[in-house]
Amino acid sequence: DQALVELLTTSGTIDSIDVLNGGTEYTGDSSVKIIGDGTGATASLDIVGGVIQRIIVTNPGEKYSC
């Protein structure tokens, strides 16, 4: 199963990423690739038992739109 997430952006930054469905069978690298119209945002995954429990924004980036 693929994970389903929702982004919260305000003032052009990514403030949080909510996990709506943690998916299954995730292992290994906990980094997140964020693709959008802004730059610099980074995040990491908290994976337990192959399921994404939460996504931690480590840099909110800038110039992202909703």
PDB file of N, CA and C in Angstrom:
ATOM      1  N   ASP A   1       0.833  -1.194   0.000  1.00  0.00           N
ATOM      2  CA  ASP A   1       0.000   0.000   0.000  1.00  0.00           C
ATOM      3  C   ASP A   1       0.869   1.244   0.000  1.00  0.00           C
ATOM      4  N   GLN A   2       0.458   2.255  -0.763  1.00  0.00           N
ATOM      5  CA  GLN A   2       1.141   3.528  -0.736  1.00  0.00           C
ATOM      6  C   GLN A   2       0.569   4.390   0.379  1.00  0.00           C
ATOM      7  N   ALA A   3       1.428   5.231   0.946  1.00  0.00           N
ATOM      8  CA  ALA A   3       0.988   6.153   1.978  1.00  0.00           C
ATOM      9  C   ALA A   3       0.222   7.307   1.350  1.00  0.00           C
ATOM     10  N   LEU A   4      -0.651   7.912   2.124  1.00  0.00           N
ATOM     11  CA  LEU A   4      -1.404   9.089   1.703  1.00  0.00           C
ATOM     12  C   LEU A   4      -1.136  10.184   2.723  1.00  0.00           C
ATOM     13  N   VAL A   5      -0.704  11.361   2.255  1.00  0.00           N
ATOM     14  CA  VAL A   5      -0.373  12.451   3.162  1.00  0.00           C
ATOM     15  C   VAL A   5      -1.084  13.726   2.731  1.00  0.00           C
ATOM     16  N   GLU A   6      -1.103  14.697   3.645  1.00  0.00           N
ATOM     17  CA  GLU A   6      -1.690  16.006   3.378  1.00  0.00           C
ATOM     18  C   GLU A   6      -0.709  17.060   3.873  1.00  0.00           C
ATOM     19  N   LEU A   7      -0.404  18.043   3.025  1.00  0.00           N
ATOM     20  CA  LEU A   7       0.520  19.117   3.389  1.00  0.00           C
ATOM     21  C   LEU A   7      -0.237  20.327   3.906  1.00  0.00           C
ATOM     22  N   LEU A   8       0.328  20.991   4.913  1.00  0.00           N
ATOM     23  CA  LEU A   8      -0.210  22.252   5.401  1.00  0.00           C
ATOM     24  C   LEU A   8       0.829  23.321   5.111  1.00  0.00           C
ATOM     25  N   THR A   9       0.480  24.282   4.256  1.00  0.00           N
ATOM     26  CA  THR A   9       1.398  25.363   3.923  1.00  0.00           C
ATOM     27  C   THR A   9       0.793  26.697   4.336  1.00  0.00           C
ATOM     28  N   THR A  10       1.632  27.543   4.905  1.00  0.00           N
ATOM     29  CA  THR A  10       1.239  28.918   5.202  1.00  0.00           C
ATOM     30  C   THR A  10       2.429  29.814   4.914  1.00  0.00           C
ATOM     31  N   SER A  11       2.170  30.960   4.398  1.00  0.00           N
ATOM     32  CA  SER A  11       3.222  31.939   4.103  1.00  0.00           C
ATOM     33  C   SER A  11       4.339  31.358   3.257  1.00  0.00           C
ATOM     34  N   GLY A  12       4.016  30.380   2.395  1.00  0.00           N
ATOM     35  CA  GLY A  12       5.001  29.836   1.477  1.00  0.00           C
ATOM     36  C   GLY A  12       5.906  28.763   2.039  1.00  0.00           C
ATOM     37  N   THR A  13       5.663  28.335   3.276  1.00  0.00           N
ATOM     38  CA  THR A  13       6.476  27.277   3.876  1.00  0.00           C
ATOM     39  C   THR A  13       5.626  26.044   4.138  1.00  0.00           C
ATOM     40  N   ILE A  14       6.275  24.895   4.197  1.00  0.00           N
ATOM     41  CA  ILE A  14       5.564  23.667   4.550  1.00  0.00           C
ATOM     42  C   ILE A  14       5.636  23.525   6.066  1.00  0.00           C
ATOM     43  N   ASP A  15       4.509  23.720   6.717  1.00  0.00           N
ATOM     44  CA  ASP A  15       4.467  23.718   8.174  1.00  0.00           C
ATOM     45  C   ASP A  15       4.342  22.318   8.750  1.00  0.00           C
ATOM     46  N   SER A  16       3.585  21.460   8.089  1.00  0.00           N
ATOM     47  CA  SER A  16       3.446  20.090   8.574  1.00  0.00           C
ATOM     48  C   SER A  16       2.977  19.197   7.438  1.00  0.00           C
ATOM     49  N   ILE A  17       3.214  17.908   7.623  1.00  0.00           N
ATOM     50  CA  ILE A  17       2.744  16.898   6.684  1.00  0.00           C
ATOM     51  C   ILE A  17       2.034  15.844   7.521  1.00  0.00           C
ATOM     52  N   ASP A  18       0.723  15.764   7.355  1.00  0.00           N
ATOM     53  CA  ASP A  18      -0.084  14.808   8.116  1.00  0.00           C
ATOM     54  C   ASP A  18      -0.190  13.491   7.353  1.00  0.00           C
ATOM     55  N   VAL A  19      -0.036  12.393   8.061  1.00  0.00           N
ATOM     56  CA  VAL A  19      -0.182  11.068   7.466  1.00  0.00           C
ATOM     57  C   VAL A  19      -1.649  10.656   7.584  1.00  0.00           C
ATOM     58  N   LEU A  20      -2.316  10.509   6.451  1.00  0.00           N
ATOM     59  CA  LEU A  20      -3.716  10.081   6.434  1.00  0.00           C
ATOM     60  C   LEU A  20      -3.819   8.565   6.377  1.00  0.00           C
ATOM     61  N   ASN A  21      -2.848   7.928   5.712  1.00  0.00           N
ATOM     62  CA  ASN A  21      -2.754   6.470   5.629  1.00  0.00           C
ATOM     63  C   ASN A  21      -1.277   6.143   5.571  1.00  0.00           C
ATOM     64  N   GLY A  22      -0.768   5.383   6.526  1.00  0.00           N
ATOM     65  CA  GLY A  22       0.658   5.105   6.641  1.00  0.00           C
ATOM     66  C   GLY A  22       1.202   4.087   5.665  1.00  0.00           C
ATOM     67  N   GLY A  23       0.340   3.485   4.848  1.00  0.00           N
ATOM     68  CA  GLY A  23       0.810   2.503   3.889  1.00  0.00           C
ATOM     69  C   GLY A  23       1.371   1.261   4.568  1.00  0.00           C
ATOM     70  N   THR A  24       2.087   0.434   3.817  1.00  0.00           N
ATOM     71  CA  THR A  24       2.690  -0.784   4.370  1.00  0.00           C
ATOM     72  C   THR A  24       4.011  -1.074   3.681  1.00  0.00           C
ATOM     73  N   GLU A  25       4.830  -1.863   4.344  1.00  0.00           N
ATOM     74  CA  GLU A  25       6.081  -2.400   3.815  1.00  0.00           C
ATOM     75  C   GLU A  25       7.152  -1.354   3.517  1.00  0.00           C
ATOM     76  N   TYR A  26       7.163  -0.245   4.252  1.00  0.00           N
ATOM     77  CA  TYR A  26       8.224   0.743   4.096  1.00  0.00           C
ATOM     78  C   TYR A  26       9.425   0.326   4.933  1.00  0.00           C
ATOM     79  N   THR A  27      10.599   0.420   4.344  1.00  0.00           N
ATOM     80  CA  THR A  27      11.846   0.091   5.040  1.00  0.00           C
ATOM     81  C   THR A  27      12.944   1.028   4.567  1.00  0.00           C
ATOM     82  N   GLY A  28      14.065   0.995   5.253  1.00  0.00           N
ATOM     83  CA  GLY A  28      15.257   1.691   4.767  1.00  0.00           C
ATOM     84  C   GLY A  28      15.256   3.183   4.975  1.00  0.00           C
ATOM     85  N   ASP A  29      15.618   3.905   3.914  1.00  0.00           N
ATOM     86  CA  ASP A  29      15.837   5.347   3.948  1.00  0.00           C
ATOM     87  C   ASP A  29      14.618   6.076   4.500  1.00  0.00           C
ATOM     88  N   SER A  30      14.860   6.966   5.464  1.00  0.00           N
ATOM     89  CA  SER A  30      13.749   7.692   6.071  1.00  0.00           C
ATOM     90  C   SER A  30      13.628   9.116   5.543  1.00  0.00           C
ATOM     91  N   SER A  31      14.398   9.460   4.503  1.00  0.00           N
ATOM     92  CA  SER A  31      14.298  10.817   3.959  1.00  0.00           C
ATOM     93  C   SER A  31      13.093  10.928   3.040  1.00  0.00           C
ATOM     94  N   VAL A  32      12.608  12.152   2.881  1.00  0.00           N
ATOM     95  CA  VAL A  32      11.431  12.428   2.060  1.00  0.00           C
ATOM     96  C   VAL A  32      11.841  13.381   0.948  1.00  0.00           C
ATOM     97  N   LYS A  33      11.440  13.098  -0.271  1.00  0.00           N
ATOM     98  CA  LYS A  33      11.682  14.003  -1.392  1.00  0.00           C
ATOM     99  C   LYS A  33      10.429  14.839  -1.580  1.00  0.00           C
ATOM    100  N   ILE A  34      10.577  16.163  -1.458  1.00  0.00           N
ATOM    101  CA  ILE A  34       9.446  17.071  -1.591  1.00  0.00           C
ATOM    102  C   ILE A  34       9.568  17.785  -2.933  1.00  0.00           C
ATOM    103  N   ILE A  35       8.563  17.604  -3.785  1.00  0.00           N
ATOM    104  CA  ILE A  35       8.556  18.198  -5.112  1.00  0.00           C
ATOM    105  C   ILE A  35       7.416  19.204  -5.165  1.00  0.00           C
ATOM    106  N   GLY A  36       7.710  20.408  -5.606  1.00  0.00           N
ATOM    107  CA  GLY A  36       6.681  21.431  -5.711  1.00  0.00           C
ATOM    108  C   GLY A  36       7.246  22.683  -6.331  1.00  0.00           C
ATOM    109  N   ASP A  37       6.509  23.771  -6.210  1.00  0.00           N
ATOM    110  CA  ASP A  37       6.931  25.016  -6.827  1.00  0.00           C
ATOM    111  C   ASP A  37       7.853  25.852  -5.937  1.00  0.00           C
ATOM    112  N   GLY A  38       8.103  25.414  -4.714  1.00  0.00           N
ATOM    113  CA  GLY A  38       9.020  26.097  -3.822  1.00  0.00           C
ATOM    114  C   GLY A  38      10.361  25.389  -3.780  1.00  0.00           C
ATOM    115  N   THR A  39      11.198  25.794  -2.827  1.00  0.00           N
ATOM    116  CA  THR A  39      12.523  25.186  -2.705  1.00  0.00           C
ATOM    117  C   THR A  39      12.907  24.981  -1.250  1.00  0.00           C
ATOM    118  N   GLY A  40      13.785  24.016  -1.028  1.00  0.00           N
ATOM    119  CA  GLY A  40      14.451  23.858   0.250  1.00  0.00           C
ATOM    120  C   GLY A  40      13.765  23.049   1.321  1.00  0.00           C
ATOM    121  N   ALA A  41      12.529  22.634   1.130  1.00  0.00           N
ATOM    122  CA  ALA A  41      11.839  21.876   2.174  1.00  0.00           C
ATOM    123  C   ALA A  41      12.415  20.466   2.283  1.00  0.00           C
ATOM    124  N   THR A  42      12.592  20.013   3.513  1.00  0.00           N
ATOM    125  CA  THR A  42      13.054  18.651   3.771  1.00  0.00           C
ATOM    126  C   THR A  42      12.248  18.058   4.910  1.00  0.00           C
ATOM    127  N   ALA A  43      12.180  16.731   4.933  1.00  0.00           N
ATOM    128  CA  ALA A  43      11.444  16.037   5.986  1.00  0.00           C
ATOM    129  C   ALA A  43      12.002  14.627   6.134  1.00  0.00           C
ATOM    130  N   SER A  44      11.674  13.993   7.249  1.00  0.00           N
ATOM    131  CA  SER A  44      12.078  12.605   7.463  1.00  0.00           C
ATOM    132  C   SER A  44      10.878  11.807   7.969  1.00  0.00           C
ATOM    133  N   LEU A  45      10.965  10.495   7.782  1.00  0.00           N
ATOM    134  CA  LEU A  45       9.871   9.597   8.150  1.00  0.00           C
ATOM    135  C   LEU A  45      10.129   8.927   9.486  1.00  0.00           C
ATOM    136  N   ASP A  46       9.083   8.684  10.232  1.00  0.00           N
ATOM    137  CA  ASP A  46       9.106   7.837  11.425  1.00  0.00           C
ATOM    138  C   ASP A  46       8.337   6.579  11.024  1.00  0.00           C
ATOM    139  N   ILE A  47       9.078   5.465  10.796  1.00  0.00           N
ATOM    140  CA  ILE A  47       8.489   4.216  10.327  1.00  0.00           C
ATOM    141  C   ILE A  47       8.521   3.185  11.449  1.00  0.00           C
ATOM    142  N   VAL A  48       7.386   2.567  11.718  1.00  0.00           N
ATOM    143  CA  VAL A  48       7.295   1.519  12.729  1.00  0.00           C
ATOM    144  C   VAL A  48       6.585   0.326  12.097  1.00  0.00           C
ATOM    145  N   GLY A  49       7.245  -0.816  12.100  1.00  0.00           N
ATOM    146  CA  GLY A  49       6.642  -2.022  11.546  1.00  0.00           C
ATOM    147  C   GLY A  49       6.258  -1.895  10.085  1.00  0.00           C
ATOM    148  N   GLY A  50       7.025  -1.107   9.315  1.00  0.00           N
ATOM    149  CA  GLY A  50       6.757  -0.936   7.897  1.00  0.00           C
ATOM    150  C   GLY A  50       5.695   0.090   7.563  1.00  0.00           C
ATOM    151  N   VAL A  51       5.135   0.751   8.589  1.00  0.00           N
ATOM    152  CA  VAL A  51       4.064   1.734   8.397  1.00  0.00           C
ATOM    153  C   VAL A  51       4.593   3.123   8.772  1.00  0.00           C
ATOM    154  N   ILE A  52       4.321   4.122   7.923  1.00  0.00           N
ATOM    155  CA  ILE A  52       4.720   5.490   8.235  1.00  0.00           C
ATOM    156  C   ILE A  52       3.811   6.013   9.344  1.00  0.00           C
ATOM    157  N   GLN A  53       4.414   6.333  10.488  1.00  0.00           N
ATOM    158  CA  GLN A  53       3.656   6.844  11.627  1.00  0.00           C
ATOM    159  C   GLN A  53       3.504   8.356  11.586  1.00  0.00           C
ATOM    160  N   ARG A  54       4.593   9.034  11.190  1.00  0.00           N
ATOM    161  CA  ARG A  54       4.547  10.492  11.086  1.00  0.00           C
ATOM    162  C   ARG A  54       5.662  10.964  10.177  1.00  0.00           C
ATOM    163  N   ILE A  55       5.511  12.181   9.686  1.00  0.00           N
ATOM    164  CA  ILE A  55       6.525  12.819   8.851  1.00  0.00           C
ATOM    165  C   ILE A  55       6.937  14.103   9.560  1.00  0.00           C
ATOM    166  N   ILE A  56       8.232  14.219   9.819  1.00  0.00           N
ATOM    167  CA  ILE A  56       8.773  15.360  10.560  1.00  0.00           C
ATOM    168  C   ILE A  56       9.397  16.338   9.576  1.00  0.00           C
ATOM    169  N   VAL A  57       8.870  17.577   9.515  1.00  0.00           N
ATOM    170  CA  VAL A  57       9.434  18.613   8.655  1.00  0.00           C
ATOM    171  C   VAL A  57      10.715  19.110   9.331  1.00  0.00           C
ATOM    172  N   THR A  58      11.860  18.939   8.646  1.00  0.00           N
ATOM    173  CA  THR A  58      13.143  19.362   9.203  1.00  0.00           C
ATOM    174  C   THR A  58      13.581  20.723   8.667  1.00  0.00           C
ATOM    175  N   ASN A  59      13.010  21.147   7.525  1.00  0.00           N
ATOM    176  CA  ASN A  59      13.234  22.485   6.987  1.00  0.00           C
ATOM    177  C   ASN A  59      11.965  22.858   6.216  1.00  0.00           C
ATOM    178  N   PRO A  60      11.288  23.951   6.580  1.00  0.00           N
ATOM    179  CA  PRO A  60      10.018  24.280   5.932  1.00  0.00           C
ATOM    180  C   PRO A  60      10.153  24.839   4.510  1.00  0.00           C
ATOM    181  N   GLY A  61      11.370  25.167   4.084  1.00  0.00           N
ATOM    182  CA  GLY A  61      11.575  25.700   2.746  1.00  0.00           C
ATOM    183  C   GLY A  61      10.942  27.055   2.568  1.00  0.00           C
ATOM    184  N   GLU A  62      10.772  27.471   1.298  1.00  0.00           N
ATOM    185  CA  GLU A  62      10.183  28.775   1.008  1.00  0.00           C
ATOM    186  C   GLU A  62       9.543  28.782  -0.372  1.00  0.00           C
ATOM    187  N   LYS A  63       8.622  29.695  -0.568  1.00  0.00           N
ATOM    188  CA  LYS A  63       7.954  29.961  -1.841  1.00  0.00           C
ATOM    189  C   LYS A  63       7.080  28.829  -2.345  1.00  0.00           C
ATOM    190  N   TYR A  64       6.517  28.026  -1.446  1.00  0.00           N
ATOM    191  CA  TYR A  64       5.552  26.984  -1.844  1.00  0.00           C
ATOM    192  C   TYR A  64       4.158  27.589  -1.870  1.00  0.00           C
ATOM    193  N   SER A  65       3.345  27.173  -2.828  1.00  0.00           N
ATOM    194  CA  SER A  65       1.954  27.614  -2.873  1.00  0.00           C
ATOM    195  C   SER A  65       1.064  26.459  -2.432  1.00  0.00           C
ATOM    196  N   CYS A  66      -0.178  26.756  -2.147  1.00  0.00           N
ATOM    197  CA  CYS A  66      -1.118  25.736  -1.675  1.00  0.00           C
ATOM    198  C   CYS A  66      -1.467  24.750  -2.742  1.00  0.00           C
TER     199      CYS A  66
END
